[in-house]
PDB file of N, CA and C in Angstrom:
ATOM      1  N   MET A   1     126.598  86.657 101.400  1.00  0.00           N
ATOM      2  CA  MET A   1     126.347  88.088 101.515  1.00  0.00           C
ATOM      3  C   MET A   1     125.544  88.603 100.329  1.00  0.00           C
ATOM      4  N   GLN A   2     125.743  88.002  99.164  1.00  0.00           N
ATOM      5  CA  GLN A   2     125.025  88.440  97.992  1.00  0.00           C
ATOM      6  C   GLN A   2     123.524  88.220  98.155  1.00  0.00           C
ATOM      7  N   GLY A   3     123.115  87.145  98.830  1.00  0.00           N
ATOM      8  CA  GLY A   3     121.702  86.882  99.070  1.00  0.00           C
ATOM      9  C   GLY A   3     121.058  87.962  99.915  1.00  0.00           C
ATOM     10  N   VAL A   4     121.795  88.464 100.898  1.00  0.00           N
ATOM     11  CA  VAL A   4     121.282  89.524 101.760  1.00  0.00           C
ATOM     12  C   VAL A   4     121.110  90.805 100.951  1.00  0.00           C
ATOM     13  N   ASP A   5     122.088  91.136 100.119  1.00  0.00           N
ATOM     14  CA  ASP A   5     121.989  92.327  99.281  1.00  0.00           C
ATOM     15  C   ASP A   5     120.815  92.222  98.314  1.00  0.00           C
ATOM     16  N   ARG A   6     120.625  91.046  97.728  1.00  0.00           N
ATOM     17  CA  ARG A   6     119.510  90.850  96.800  1.00  0.00           C
ATOM     18  C   ARG A   6     118.189  91.005  97.526  1.00  0.00           C
ATOM     19  N   THR A   7     118.077  90.416  98.698  1.00  0.00           N
ATOM     20  CA  THR A   7     116.853  90.534  99.481  1.00  0.00           C
ATOM     21  C   THR A   7     116.585  91.997  99.814  1.00  0.00           C
ATOM     22  N   ARG A   8     117.610  92.721 100.207  1.00  0.00           N
ATOM     23  CA  ARG A   8     117.468  94.139 100.530  1.00  0.00           C
ATOM     24  C   ARG A   8     117.017  94.948  99.307  1.00  0.00           C
ATOM     25  N   ARG A   9     117.611  94.655  98.161  1.00  0.00           N
ATOM     26  CA  ARG A   9     117.233  95.352  96.921  1.00  0.00           C
ATOM     27  C   ARG A   9     115.792  95.058  96.551  1.00  0.00           C
ATOM     28  N   VAL A  10     115.401  93.792  96.622  1.00  0.00           N
ATOM     29  CA  VAL A  10     114.029  93.403  96.288  1.00  0.00           C
ATOM     30  C   VAL A  10     113.052  94.038  97.269  1.00  0.00           C
ATOM     31  N   THR A  11     113.406  94.075  98.533  1.00  0.00           N
ATOM     32  CA  THR A  11     112.559  94.708  99.546  1.00  0.00           C
ATOM     33  C   THR A  11     112.290  96.164  99.189  1.00  0.00           C
ATOM     34  N   GLU A  12     113.323  96.888  98.828  1.00  0.00           N
ATOM     35  CA  GLU A  12     113.172  98.304  98.476  1.00  0.00           C
ATOM     36  C   GLU A  12     112.380  98.464  97.177  1.00  0.00           C
ATOM     37  N   LEU A  13     112.623  97.609  96.200  1.00  0.00           N
ATOM     38  CA  LEU A  13     111.855  97.663  94.951  1.00  0.00           C
ATOM     39  C   LEU A  13     110.370  97.435  95.206  1.00  0.00           C
ATOM     40  N   ILE A  14     110.058  96.471  96.047  1.00  0.00           N
ATOM     41  CA  ILE A  14     108.658  96.177  96.371  1.00  0.00           C
ATOM     42  C   ILE A  14     108.016  97.368  97.067  1.00  0.00           C
ATOM     43  N   ARG A  15     108.709  97.945  98.027  1.00  0.00           N
ATOM     44  CA  ARG A  15     108.165  99.094  98.761  1.00  0.00           C
ATOM     45  C   ARG A  15     107.841 100.248  97.819  1.00  0.00           C
ATOM     46  N   ARG A  16     108.771 100.583  96.957  1.00  0.00           N
ATOM     47  CA  ARG A  16     108.564 101.704  96.027  1.00  0.00           C
ATOM     48  C   ARG A  16     107.464 101.405  95.013  1.00  0.00           C
ATOM     49  N   ALA A  17     107.511 100.208  94.446  1.00  0.00           N
ATOM     50  CA  ALA A  17     106.516  99.847  93.426  1.00  0.00           C
ATOM     51  C   ALA A  17     105.114  99.803  94.021  1.00  0.00           C
ATOM     52  N   LEU A  18     104.965  99.228  95.205  1.00  0.00           N
ATOM     53  CA  LEU A  18     103.644  99.150  95.823  1.00  0.00           C
ATOM     54  C   LEU A  18     103.094 100.535  96.157  1.00  0.00           C
ATOM     55  N   ALA A  19     103.948 101.447  96.568  1.00  0.00           N
ATOM     56  CA  ALA A  19     103.486 102.810  96.850  1.00  0.00           C
ATOM     57  C   ALA A  19     102.865 103.417  95.594  1.00  0.00           C
ATOM     58  N   ASP A  20     103.527 103.252  94.460  1.00  0.00           N
ATOM     59  CA  ASP A  20     103.000 103.773  93.197  1.00  0.00           C
ATOM     60  C   ASP A  20     101.728 103.045  92.777  1.00  0.00           C
ATOM     61  N   ILE A  21     101.722 101.737  92.920  1.00  0.00           N
ATOM     62  CA  ILE A  21     100.571 100.931  92.507  1.00  0.00           C
ATOM     63  C   ILE A  21      99.349 101.291  93.341  1.00  0.00           C
ATOM     64  N   ILE A  22      99.506 101.403  94.641  1.00  0.00           N
ATOM     65  CA  ILE A  22      98.383 101.744  95.516  1.00  0.00           C
ATOM     66  C   ILE A  22      97.850 103.126  95.158  1.00  0.00           C
ATOM     67  N   ARG A  23      98.740 104.060  94.958  1.00  0.00           N
ATOM     68  CA  ARG A  23      98.322 105.420  94.598  1.00  0.00           C
ATOM     69  C   ARG A  23      97.549 105.430  93.272  1.00  0.00           C
ATOM     70  N   ASP A  24      98.044 104.677  92.282  1.00  0.00           N
ATOM     71  CA  ASP A  24      97.429 104.691  90.956  1.00  0.00           C
ATOM     72  C   ASP A  24      96.199 103.796  90.854  1.00  0.00           C
ATOM     73  N   ARG A  25      96.213 102.657  91.531  1.00  0.00           N
ATOM     74  CA  ARG A  25      95.141 101.675  91.377  1.00  0.00           C
ATOM     75  C   ARG A  25      93.960 101.904  92.323  1.00  0.00           C
ATOM     76  N   LEU A  26      94.211 102.480  93.466  1.00  0.00           N
ATOM     77  CA  LEU A  26      93.153 102.639  94.473  1.00  0.00           C
ATOM     78  C   LEU A  26      92.929 104.100  94.867  1.00  0.00           C
ATOM     79  N   PRO A  27      92.837 105.016  93.892  1.00  0.00           N
ATOM     80  CA  PRO A  27      92.719 106.428  94.266  1.00  0.00           C
ATOM     81  C   PRO A  27      91.388 106.780  94.925  1.00  0.00           C
ATOM     82  N   ASP A  28      90.356 106.007  94.672  1.00  0.00           N
ATOM     83  CA  ASP A  28      89.029 106.320  95.183  1.00  0.00           C
ATOM     84  C   ASP A  28      88.682 105.564  96.465  1.00  0.00           C
ATOM     85  N   ARG A  29      89.632 104.899  97.065  1.00  0.00           N
ATOM     86  CA  ARG A  29      89.351 104.082  98.252  1.00  0.00           C
ATOM     87  C   ARG A  29      89.720 104.788  99.557  1.00  0.00           C
ATOM     88  N   GLY A  30      90.076 106.061  99.494  1.00  0.00           N
ATOM     89  CA  GLY A  30      90.355 106.825 100.708  1.00  0.00           C
ATOM     90  C   GLY A  30      91.703 106.504 101.329  1.00  0.00           C
ATOM     91  N   LEU A  31      92.684 106.177 100.504  1.00  0.00           N
ATOM     92  CA  LEU A  31      94.011 105.816 101.021  1.00  0.00           C
ATOM     93  C   LEU A  31      95.039 106.908 100.742  1.00  0.00           C
ATOM     94  N   GLU A  32      94.576 108.147 100.598  1.00  0.00           N
ATOM     95  CA  GLU A  32      95.496 109.237 100.259  1.00  0.00           C
ATOM     96  C   GLU A  32      96.532 109.490 101.341  1.00  0.00           C
ATOM     97  N   LEU A  33      96.172 109.259 102.578  1.00  0.00           N
ATOM     98  CA  LEU A  33      97.071 109.555 103.698  1.00  0.00           C
ATOM     99  C   LEU A  33      97.803 108.312 104.188  1.00  0.00           C
ATOM    100  N   LEU A  34      98.001 107.364 103.293  1.00  0.00           N
ATOM    101  CA  LEU A  34      98.660 106.102 103.618  1.00  0.00           C
ATOM    102  C   LEU A  34     100.147 106.196 103.293  1.00  0.00           C
ATOM    103  N   SER A  35     100.968 105.645 104.171  1.00  0.00           N
ATOM    104  CA  SER A  35     102.407 105.556 103.926  1.00  0.00           C
ATOM    105  C   SER A  35     102.864 104.127 104.163  1.00  0.00           C
ATOM    106  N   ILE A  36     103.747 103.666 103.305  1.00  0.00           N
ATOM    107  CA  ILE A  36     104.401 102.377 103.533  1.00  0.00           C
ATOM    108  C   ILE A  36     105.652 102.684 104.330  1.00  0.00           C
ATOM    109  N   THR A  37     105.688 102.208 105.567  1.00  0.00           N
ATOM    110  CA  THR A  37     106.804 102.538 106.455  1.00  0.00           C
ATOM    111  C   THR A  37     107.936 101.529 106.366  1.00  0.00           C
ATOM    112  N   ALA A  38     107.608 100.287 106.061  1.00  0.00           N
ATOM    113  CA  ALA A  38     108.646  99.255 105.983  1.00  0.00           C
ATOM    114  C   ALA A  38     108.111  98.067 105.203  1.00  0.00           C
ATOM    115  N   THR A  39     109.029  97.302 104.699  1.00  0.00           N
ATOM    116  CA  THR A  39     108.698  96.055 104.014  1.00  0.00           C
ATOM    117  C   THR A  39     109.712  95.017 104.456  1.00  0.00           C
ATOM    118  N   GLU A  40     109.218  93.855 104.804  1.00  0.00           N
ATOM    119  CA  GLU A  40     110.090  92.734 105.162  1.00  0.00           C
ATOM    120  C   GLU A  40     109.828  91.603 104.183  1.00  0.00           C
ATOM    121  N   VAL A  41     110.897  91.063 103.627  1.00  0.00           N
ATOM    122  CA  VAL A  41     110.787  89.962 102.673  1.00  0.00           C
ATOM    123  C   VAL A  41     111.592  88.789 103.209  1.00  0.00           C
ATOM    124  N   THR A  42     111.020  87.593 103.097  1.00  0.00           N
ATOM    125  CA  THR A  42     111.746  86.408 103.542  1.00  0.00           C
ATOM    126  C   THR A  42     112.966  86.194 102.652  1.00  0.00           C
ATOM    127  N   ARG A  43     113.948  85.470 103.165  1.00  0.00           N
ATOM    128  CA  ARG A  43     115.192  85.258 102.407  1.00  0.00           C
ATOM    129  C   ARG A  43     114.956  84.569 101.076  1.00  0.00           C
ATOM    130  N   ASP A  44     113.944  83.683 101.029  1.00  0.00           N
ATOM    131  CA  ASP A  44     113.664  82.994  99.766  1.00  0.00           C
ATOM    132  C   ASP A  44     112.730  83.803  98.867  1.00  0.00           C
ATOM    133  N   LEU A  45     112.400  85.017  99.279  1.00  0.00           N
ATOM    134  CA  LEU A  45     111.571  85.955  98.519  1.00  0.00           C
ATOM    135  C   LEU A  45     110.160  85.438  98.248  1.00  0.00           C
ATOM    136  N   SER A  46     109.675  84.525  99.076  1.00  0.00           N
ATOM    137  CA  SER A  46     108.349  83.958  98.846  1.00  0.00           C
ATOM    138  C   SER A  46     107.239  84.764  99.515  1.00  0.00           C
ATOM    139  N   ARG A  47     107.576  85.525 100.569  1.00  0.00           N
ATOM    140  CA  ARG A  47     106.562  86.286 101.298  1.00  0.00           C
ATOM    141  C   ARG A  47     107.100  87.685 101.608  1.00  0.00           C
ATOM    142  N   ALA A  48     106.185  88.633 101.537  1.00  0.00           N
ATOM    143  CA  ALA A  48     106.532  90.012 101.880  1.00  0.00           C
ATOM    144  C   ALA A  48     105.478  90.544 102.836  1.00  0.00           C
ATOM    145  N   THR A  49     105.934  91.141 103.922  1.00  0.00           N
ATOM    146  CA  THR A  49     105.046  91.811 104.849  1.00  0.00           C
ATOM    147  C   THR A  49     105.273  93.303 104.663  1.00  0.00           C
ATOM    148  N   VAL A  50     104.193  94.016 104.372  1.00  0.00           N
ATOM    149  CA  VAL A  50     104.273  95.448 104.104  1.00  0.00           C
ATOM    150  C   VAL A  50     103.595  96.171 105.259  1.00  0.00           C
ATOM    151  N   PHE A  51     104.352  97.028 105.933  1.00  0.00           N
ATOM    152  CA  PHE A  51     103.845  97.773 107.078  1.00  0.00           C
ATOM    153  C   PHE A  51     103.408  99.153 106.618  1.00  0.00           C
ATOM    154  N   ILE A  52     102.211  99.547 107.040  1.00  0.00           N
ATOM    155  CA  ILE A  52     101.648 100.828 106.619  1.00  0.00           C
ATOM    156  C   ILE A  52     101.256 101.662 107.827  1.00  0.00           C
ATOM    157  N   THR A  53     101.151 102.962 107.602  1.00  0.00           N
ATOM    158  CA  THR A  53     100.541 103.868 108.573  1.00  0.00           C
ATOM    159  C   THR A  53      99.538 104.720 107.814  1.00  0.00           C
ATOM    160  N   VAL A  54      98.558 105.191 108.562  1.00  0.00           N
ATOM    161  CA  VAL A  54      97.510 106.039 107.992  1.00  0.00           C
ATOM    162  C   VAL A  54      97.234 107.145 108.986  1.00  0.00           C
ATOM    163  N   LEU A  55      97.167 108.374 108.496  1.00  0.00           N
ATOM    164  CA  LEU A  55      96.764 109.463 109.372  1.00  0.00           C
ATOM    165  C   LEU A  55      95.273 109.330 109.624  1.00  0.00           C
ATOM    166  N   GLY A  56      94.890 109.392 110.866  1.00  0.00           N
ATOM    167  CA  GLY A  56      93.478 109.290 111.178  1.00  0.00           C
ATOM    168  C   GLY A  56      93.248 108.495 112.442  1.00  0.00           C
ATOM    169  N   GLU A  57      92.020 108.102 112.595  1.00  0.00           N
ATOM    170  CA  GLU A  57      91.590 107.361 113.770  1.00  0.00           C
ATOM    171  C   GLU A  57      91.861 105.872 113.617  1.00  0.00           C
ATOM    172  N   GLU A  58      91.641 105.131 114.685  1.00  0.00           N
ATOM    173  CA  GLU A  58      91.884 103.693 114.684  1.00  0.00           C
ATOM    174  C   GLU A  58      91.048 102.985 113.624  1.00  0.00           C
ATOM    175  N   GLU A  59      89.808 103.418 113.419  1.00  0.00           N
ATOM    176  CA  GLU A  59      88.975 102.772 112.405  1.00  0.00           C
ATOM    177  C   GLU A  59      89.507 103.017 110.993  1.00  0.00           C
ATOM    178  N   ASP A  60      90.171 104.167 110.773  1.00  0.00           N
ATOM    179  CA  ASP A  60      90.808 104.429 109.477  1.00  0.00           C
ATOM    180  C   ASP A  60      91.962 103.460 109.249  1.00  0.00           C
ATOM    181  N   GLN A  61      92.708 103.172 110.305  1.00  0.00           N
ATOM    182  CA  GLN A  61      93.825 102.238 110.212  1.00  0.00           C
ATOM    183  C   GLN A  61      93.329 100.840 109.863  1.00  0.00           C
ATOM    184  N   GLU A  62      92.290 100.413 110.568  1.00  0.00           N
ATOM    185  CA  GLU A  62      91.734  99.084 110.326  1.00  0.00           C
ATOM    186  C   GLU A  62      91.135  98.987 108.928  1.00  0.00           C
ATOM    187  N   ARG A  63      90.438 100.046 108.494  1.00  0.00           N
ATOM    188  CA  ARG A  63      89.811 100.054 107.176  1.00  0.00           C
ATOM    189  C   ARG A  63      90.866  99.994 106.076  1.00  0.00           C
ATOM    190  N   ALA A  64      91.930 100.779 106.206  1.00  0.00           N
ATOM    191  CA  ALA A  64      92.986 100.794 105.193  1.00  0.00           C
ATOM    192  C   ALA A  64      93.661  99.428 105.097  1.00  0.00           C
ATOM    193  N   THR A  65      93.967  98.830 106.230  1.00  0.00           N
ATOM    194  CA  THR A  65      94.597  97.504 106.228  1.00  0.00           C
ATOM    195  C   THR A  65      93.667  96.478 105.599  1.00  0.00           C
ATOM    196  N   ALA A  66      92.374  96.551 105.917  1.00  0.00           N
ATOM    197  CA  ALA A  66      91.400  95.617 105.344  1.00  0.00           C
ATOM    198  C   ALA A  66      91.284  95.799 103.836  1.00  0.00           C
ATOM    199  N   ILE A  67      91.232  97.045 103.364  1.00  0.00           N
ATOM    200  CA  ILE A  67      91.138  97.310 101.922  1.00  0.00           C
ATOM    201  C   ILE A  67      92.337  96.721 101.203  1.00  0.00           C
ATOM    202  N   LEU A  68      93.531  96.979 101.716  1.00  0.00           N
ATOM    203  CA  LEU A  68      94.739  96.486 101.058  1.00  0.00           C
ATOM    204  C   LEU A  68      94.786  94.963 101.036  1.00  0.00           C
ATOM    205  N   ASN A  69      94.398  94.331 102.134  1.00  0.00           N
ATOM    206  CA  ASN A  69      94.412  92.865 102.163  1.00  0.00           C
ATOM    207  C   ASN A  69      93.311  92.271 101.291  1.00  0.00           C
ATOM    208  N   GLU A  70      92.201  93.002 101.085  1.00  0.00           N
ATOM    209  CA  GLU A  70      91.172  92.559 100.140  1.00  0.00           C
ATOM    210  C   GLU A  70      91.678  92.644  98.702  1.00  0.00           C
ATOM    211  N   GLU A  71      92.465  93.648  98.420  1.00  0.00           N
ATOM    212  CA  GLU A  71      92.971  93.901  97.066  1.00  0.00           C
ATOM    213  C   GLU A  71      94.336  93.254  96.817  1.00  0.00           C
ATOM    214  N   VAL A  72      94.782  92.397  97.723  1.00  0.00           N
ATOM    215  CA  VAL A  72      96.147  91.880  97.665  1.00  0.00           C
ATOM    216  C   VAL A  72      96.426  91.095  96.375  1.00  0.00           C
ATOM    217  N   ARG A  73      95.469  90.360  95.869  1.00  0.00           N
ATOM    218  CA  ARG A  73      95.703  89.604  94.625  1.00  0.00           C
ATOM    219  C   ARG A  73      95.950  90.541  93.447  1.00  0.00           C
ATOM    220  N   ALA A  74      95.118  91.569  93.334  1.00  0.00           N
ATOM    221  CA  ALA A  74      95.290  92.528  92.244  1.00  0.00           C
ATOM    222  C   ALA A  74      96.585  93.317  92.410  1.00  0.00           C
ATOM    223  N   LEU A  75      96.894  93.696  93.644  1.00  0.00           N
ATOM    224  CA  LEU A  75      98.141  94.425  93.889  1.00  0.00           C
ATOM    225  C   LEU A  75      99.354  93.565  93.574  1.00  0.00           C
ATOM    226  N   ARG A  76      99.284  92.293  93.929  1.00  0.00           N
ATOM    227  CA  ARG A  76     100.391  91.377  93.637  1.00  0.00           C
ATOM    228  C   ARG A  76     100.555  91.209  92.124  1.00  0.00           C
ATOM    229  N   HIS A  77      99.431  91.130  91.426  1.00  0.00           N
ATOM    230  CA  HIS A  77      99.489  91.013  89.961  1.00  0.00           C
ATOM    231  C   HIS A  77     100.154  92.251  89.354  1.00  0.00           C
ATOM    232  N   GLU A  78      99.749  93.431  89.818  1.00  0.00           N
ATOM    233  CA  GLU A  78     100.367  94.668  89.329  1.00  0.00           C
ATOM    234  C   GLU A  78     101.847  94.732  89.698  1.00  0.00           C
ATOM    235  N   LEU A  79     102.171  94.242  90.878  1.00  0.00           N
ATOM    236  CA  LEU A  79     103.569  94.218  91.309  1.00  0.00           C
ATOM    237  C   LEU A  79     104.395  93.306  90.395  1.00  0.00           C
ATOM    238  N   SER A  80     103.833  92.168  90.024  1.00  0.00           N
ATOM    239  CA  SER A  80     104.564  91.253  89.140  1.00  0.00           C
ATOM    240  C   SER A  80     104.786  91.873  87.771  1.00  0.00           C
ATOM    241  N   ARG A  81     103.864  92.709  87.332  1.00  0.00           N
ATOM    242  CA  ARG A  81     104.033  93.399  86.046  1.00  0.00           C
ATOM    243  C   ARG A  81     105.075  94.503  86.147  1.00  0.00           C
ATOM    244  N   ALA A  82     105.128  95.163  87.315  1.00  0.00           N
ATOM    245  CA  ALA A  82     106.056  96.283  87.502  1.00  0.00           C
ATOM    246  C   ALA A  82     107.491  95.820  87.722  1.00  0.00           C
ATOM    247  N   LEU A  83     107.643  94.684  88.415  1.00  0.00           N
ATOM    248  CA  LEU A  83     108.984  94.168  88.703  1.00  0.00           C
ATOM    249  C   LEU A  83     109.203  92.904  87.885  1.00  0.00           C
ATOM    250  N   ASN A  84     110.364  92.749  87.398  1.00  0.00           N
ATOM    251  CA  ASN A  84     110.667  91.578  86.587  1.00  0.00           C
ATOM    252  C   ASN A  84     111.348  90.520  87.455  1.00  0.00           C
ATOM    253  N   LEU A  85     110.550  89.922  88.353  1.00  0.00           N
ATOM    254  CA  LEU A  85     111.072  88.896  89.244  1.00  0.00           C
ATOM    255  C   LEU A  85     110.608  87.531  88.767  1.00  0.00           C
ATOM    256  N   ARG A  86     111.406  86.519  89.026  1.00  0.00           N
ATOM    257  CA  ARG A  86     111.010  85.151  88.686  1.00  0.00           C
ATOM    258  C   ARG A  86     109.744  84.751  89.424  1.00  0.00           C
ATOM    259  N   HIS A  87     109.679  85.145  90.693  1.00  0.00           N
ATOM    260  CA  HIS A  87     108.523  84.815  91.524  1.00  0.00           C
ATOM    261  C   HIS A  87     108.169  86.053  92.339  1.00  0.00           C
ATOM    262  N   THR A  88     106.921  86.487  92.240  1.00  0.00           N
ATOM    263  CA  THR A  88     106.464  87.631  93.018  1.00  0.00           C
ATOM    264  C   THR A  88     105.995  87.122  94.376  1.00  0.00           C
ATOM    265  N   PRO A  89     106.509  87.696  95.446  1.00  0.00           N
ATOM    266  CA  PRO A  89     106.158  87.200  96.785  1.00  0.00           C
ATOM    267  C   PRO A  89     104.675  87.358  97.108  1.00  0.00           C
ATOM    268  N   GLU A  90     104.190  86.481  97.963  1.00  0.00           N
ATOM    269  CA  GLU A  90     102.865  86.655  98.549  1.00  0.00           C
ATOM    270  C   GLU A  90     102.961  87.891  99.445  1.00  0.00           C
ATOM    271  N   ILE A  91     101.909  88.695  99.470  1.00  0.00           N
ATOM    272  CA  ILE A  91     101.955  89.957 100.199  1.00  0.00           C
ATOM    273  C   ILE A  91     100.929  89.950 101.325  1.00  0.00           C
ATOM    274  N   GLU A  92     101.347  90.477 102.463  1.00  0.00           N
ATOM    275  CA  GLU A  92     100.440  90.696 103.579  1.00  0.00           C
ATOM    276  C   GLU A  92     100.669  92.115 104.079  1.00  0.00           C
ATOM    277  N   PHE A  93      99.579  92.841 104.285  1.00  0.00           N
ATOM    278  CA  PHE A  93      99.665  94.195 104.810  1.00  0.00           C
ATOM    279  C   PHE A  93      99.363  94.173 106.299  1.00  0.00           C
ATOM    280  N   ARG A  94     100.170  94.916 107.063  1.00  0.00           N
ATOM    281  CA  ARG A  94      99.963  95.062 108.505  1.00  0.00           C
ATOM    282  C   ARG A  94     100.119  96.522 108.872  1.00  0.00           C
ATOM    283  N   TYR A  95      99.368  96.920 109.869  1.00  0.00           N
ATOM    284  CA  TYR A  95      99.500  98.290 110.355  1.00  0.00           C
ATOM    285  C   TYR A  95     100.755  98.397 111.211  1.00  0.00           C
ATOM    286  N   ASP A  96     101.519  99.455 111.026  1.00  0.00           N
ATOM    287  CA  ASP A  96     102.774  99.672 111.754  1.00  0.00           C
ATOM    288  C   ASP A  96     102.512 100.552 112.976  1.00  0.00           C
ATOM    289  N   PHE A  97     102.549  99.935 114.136  1.00  0.00           N
ATOM    290  CA  PHE A  97     102.299 100.657 115.382  1.00  0.00           C
ATOM    291  C   PHE A  97     103.561 101.304 115.945  1.00  0.00           C
ATOM    292  N   SER A  98     104.700 101.102 115.309  1.00  0.00           N
ATOM    293  CA  SER A  98     105.960 101.596 115.874  1.00  0.00           C
ATOM    294  C   SER A  98     106.000 103.115 115.969  1.00  0.00           C
ATOM    295  N   ILE A  99     105.405 103.803 115.029  1.00  0.00           N
ATOM    296  CA  ILE A  99     105.414 105.265 115.073  1.00  0.00           C
ATOM    297  C   ILE A  99     104.587 105.754 116.253  1.00  0.00           C
ATOM    298  N   GLU A 100     103.416 105.153 116.449  1.00  0.00           N
ATOM    299  CA  GLU A 100     102.581 105.534 117.589  1.00  0.00           C
ATOM    300  C   GLU A 100     103.291 105.250 118.904  1.00  0.00           C
ATOM    301  N   ARG A 101     103.966 104.102 118.995  1.00  0.00           N
ATOM    302  CA  ARG A 101     104.721 103.782 120.213  1.00  0.00           C
ATOM    303  C   ARG A 101     105.818 104.802 120.442  1.00  0.00           C
ATOM    304  N   GLY A 102     106.486 105.198 119.383  1.00  0.00           N
ATOM    305  CA  GLY A 102     107.544 106.197 119.500  1.00  0.00           C
ATOM    306  C   GLY A 102     107.027 107.538 119.980  1.00  0.00           C
ATOM    307  N   VAL A 103     105.878 107.950 119.442  1.00  0.00           N
ATOM    308  CA  VAL A 103     105.271 109.214 119.866  1.00  0.00           C
ATOM    309  C   VAL A 103     104.873 109.132 121.333  1.00  0.00           C
ATOM    310  N   ARG A 104     104.281 108.005 121.728  1.00  0.00           N
ATOM    311  CA  ARG A 104     103.858 107.830 123.127  1.00  0.00           C
ATOM    312  C   ARG A 104     105.073 107.860 124.059  1.00  0.00           C
ATOM    313  N   LEU A 105     106.139 107.160 123.684  1.00  0.00           N
ATOM    314  CA  LEU A 105     107.351 107.169 124.517  1.00  0.00           C
ATOM    315  C   LEU A 105     107.955 108.564 124.586  1.00  0.00           C
ATOM    316  N   SER A 106     107.943 109.270 123.476  1.00  0.00           N
ATOM    317  CA  SER A 106     108.473 110.628 123.458  1.00  0.00           C
ATOM    318  C   SER A 106     107.678 111.534 124.391  1.00  0.00           C
ATOM    319  N   ARG A 107     106.350 111.380 124.383  1.00  0.00           N
ATOM    320  CA  ARG A 107     105.512 112.166 125.300  1.00  0.00           C
ATOM    321  C   ARG A 107     105.819 111.839 126.754  1.00  0.00           C
ATOM    322  N   LEU A 108     105.989 110.537 127.040  1.00  0.00           N
ATOM    323  CA  LEU A 108     106.310 110.136 128.413  1.00  0.00           C
ATOM    324  C   LEU A 108     107.629 110.745 128.859  1.00  0.00           C
ATOM    325  N   ILE A 109     108.606 110.718 127.997  1.00  0.00           N
ATOM    326  CA  ILE A 109     109.916 111.302 128.328  1.00  0.00           C
ATOM    327  C   ILE A 109     109.779 112.802 128.544  1.00  0.00           C
ATOM    328  N   ASP A 110     109.024 113.472 127.653  1.00  0.00           N
ATOM    329  CA  ASP A 110     108.808 114.918 127.814  1.00  0.00           C
ATOM    330  C   ASP A 110     108.100 115.215 129.120  1.00  0.00           C
ATOM    331  N   ASP A 111     107.074 114.414 129.447  1.00  0.00           N
ATOM    332  CA  ASP A 111     106.336 114.617 130.699  1.00  0.00           C
ATOM    333  C   ASP A 111     107.248 114.431 131.903  1.00  0.00           C
ATOM    334  N   LEU A 112     108.105 113.424 131.866  1.00  0.00           N
ATOM    335  CA  LEU A 112     109.051 113.209 132.965  1.00  0.00           C
ATOM    336  C   LEU A 112     110.026 114.371 133.079  1.00  0.00           C
ATOM    337  N   SER A 113     110.478 114.841 131.946  1.00  0.00           N
ATOM    338  CA  SER A 113     111.419 115.955 131.933  1.00  0.00           C
ATOM    339  C   SER A 113     110.779 117.208 132.512  1.00  0.00           C
ATOM    340  N   ILE A 114     109.544 117.473 132.110  1.00  0.00           N
ATOM    341  CA  ILE A 114     108.837 118.657 132.613  1.00  0.00           C
ATOM    342  C   ILE A 114     108.569 118.529 134.106  1.00  0.00           C
ATOM    343  N   SER A 115     108.136 117.341 134.543  1.00  0.00           N
ATOM    344  CA  SER A 115     107.819 117.174 135.968  1.00  0.00           C
ATOM    345  C   SER A 115     109.096 117.230 136.816  1.00  0.00           C
ATOM    346  N   SER A 116     110.210 116.735 136.298  1.00  0.00           N
ATOM    347  CA  SER A 116     111.441 116.806 137.080  1.00  0.00           C
ATOM    348  C   SER A 116     111.973 118.231 137.128  1.00  0.00           C
ATOM    349  N   GLN A 117     111.766 118.989 136.063  1.00  0.00           N
ATOM    350  CA  GLN A 117     112.200 120.394 136.068  1.00  0.00           C
ATOM    351  C   GLN A 117     111.336 121.243 136.977  1.00  0.00           C
ATOM    352  N   SER A 118     110.041 120.951 136.996  1.00  0.00           N
ATOM    353  CA  SER A 118     109.159 121.746 137.855  1.00  0.00           C
ATOM    354  C   SER A 118     109.327 121.387 139.326  1.00  0.00           C
ATOM    355  N   GLY A 119     109.855 120.199 139.595  1.00  0.00           N
ATOM    356  CA  GLY A 119     110.070 119.768 140.971  1.00  0.00           C
ATOM    357  C   GLY A 119     111.377 120.278 141.547  1.00  0.00           C
ATOM    358  N   VAL A 120     112.248 120.817 140.730  1.00  0.00           N
ATOM    359  CA  VAL A 120     113.538 121.317 141.183  1.00  0.00           C
ATOM    360  C   VAL A 120     113.393 122.784 141.588  1.00  0.00           C
ATOM    361  N   ASN A 121     113.847 123.066 142.791  1.00  0.00           N
ATOM    362  CA  ASN A 121     113.800 124.456 143.280  1.00  0.00           C
ATOM    363  C   ASN A 121     115.140 125.100 143.003  1.00  0.00           C
ATOM    364  N   VAL A 122     115.116 126.102 142.114  1.00  0.00           N
ATOM    365  CA  VAL A 122     116.356 126.751 141.694  1.00  0.00           C
ATOM    366  C   VAL A 122     116.944 127.637 142.794  1.00  0.00           C
ATOM    367  N   ASP A 123     116.131 128.155 143.705  1.00  0.00           N
ATOM    368  CA  ASP A 123     116.589 129.061 144.760  1.00  0.00           C
ATOM    369  C   ASP A 123     117.415 128.374 145.821  1.00  0.00           C
ATOM    370  N   GLU A 124     117.344 127.076 145.928  1.00  0.00           N
ATOM    371  CA  GLU A 124     118.061 126.386 147.007  1.00  0.00           C
ATOM    372  C   GLU A 124     119.518 126.286 146.740  1.00  0.00           C
TER     373      GLU A 124
END
């Protein structure tokens, strides 16, 4: 159980530290509207997948993910300086589509709700 707690703690430390590092290190790269939504770290702490979202169009999402993955070595170096870990995980950035899926599902549910309400005749 202690390994799970450590992994969880390291995951949260990485998420917070990377948010600060990206904000401070890449202010001129157009990543102001970027959010780190989740971070997953392997149990052996060798790899970290960082999920991001960006307000904007699809090309903004692709550009932000590409910028972060281009800068991954420098970001990892800064992360190793910020966190005092024996081994800093390899980092991969991925766009998090879960929020968009949630919004789409919410719209579908709302549309169904509206269409079912409009189809009901209250006078009957």
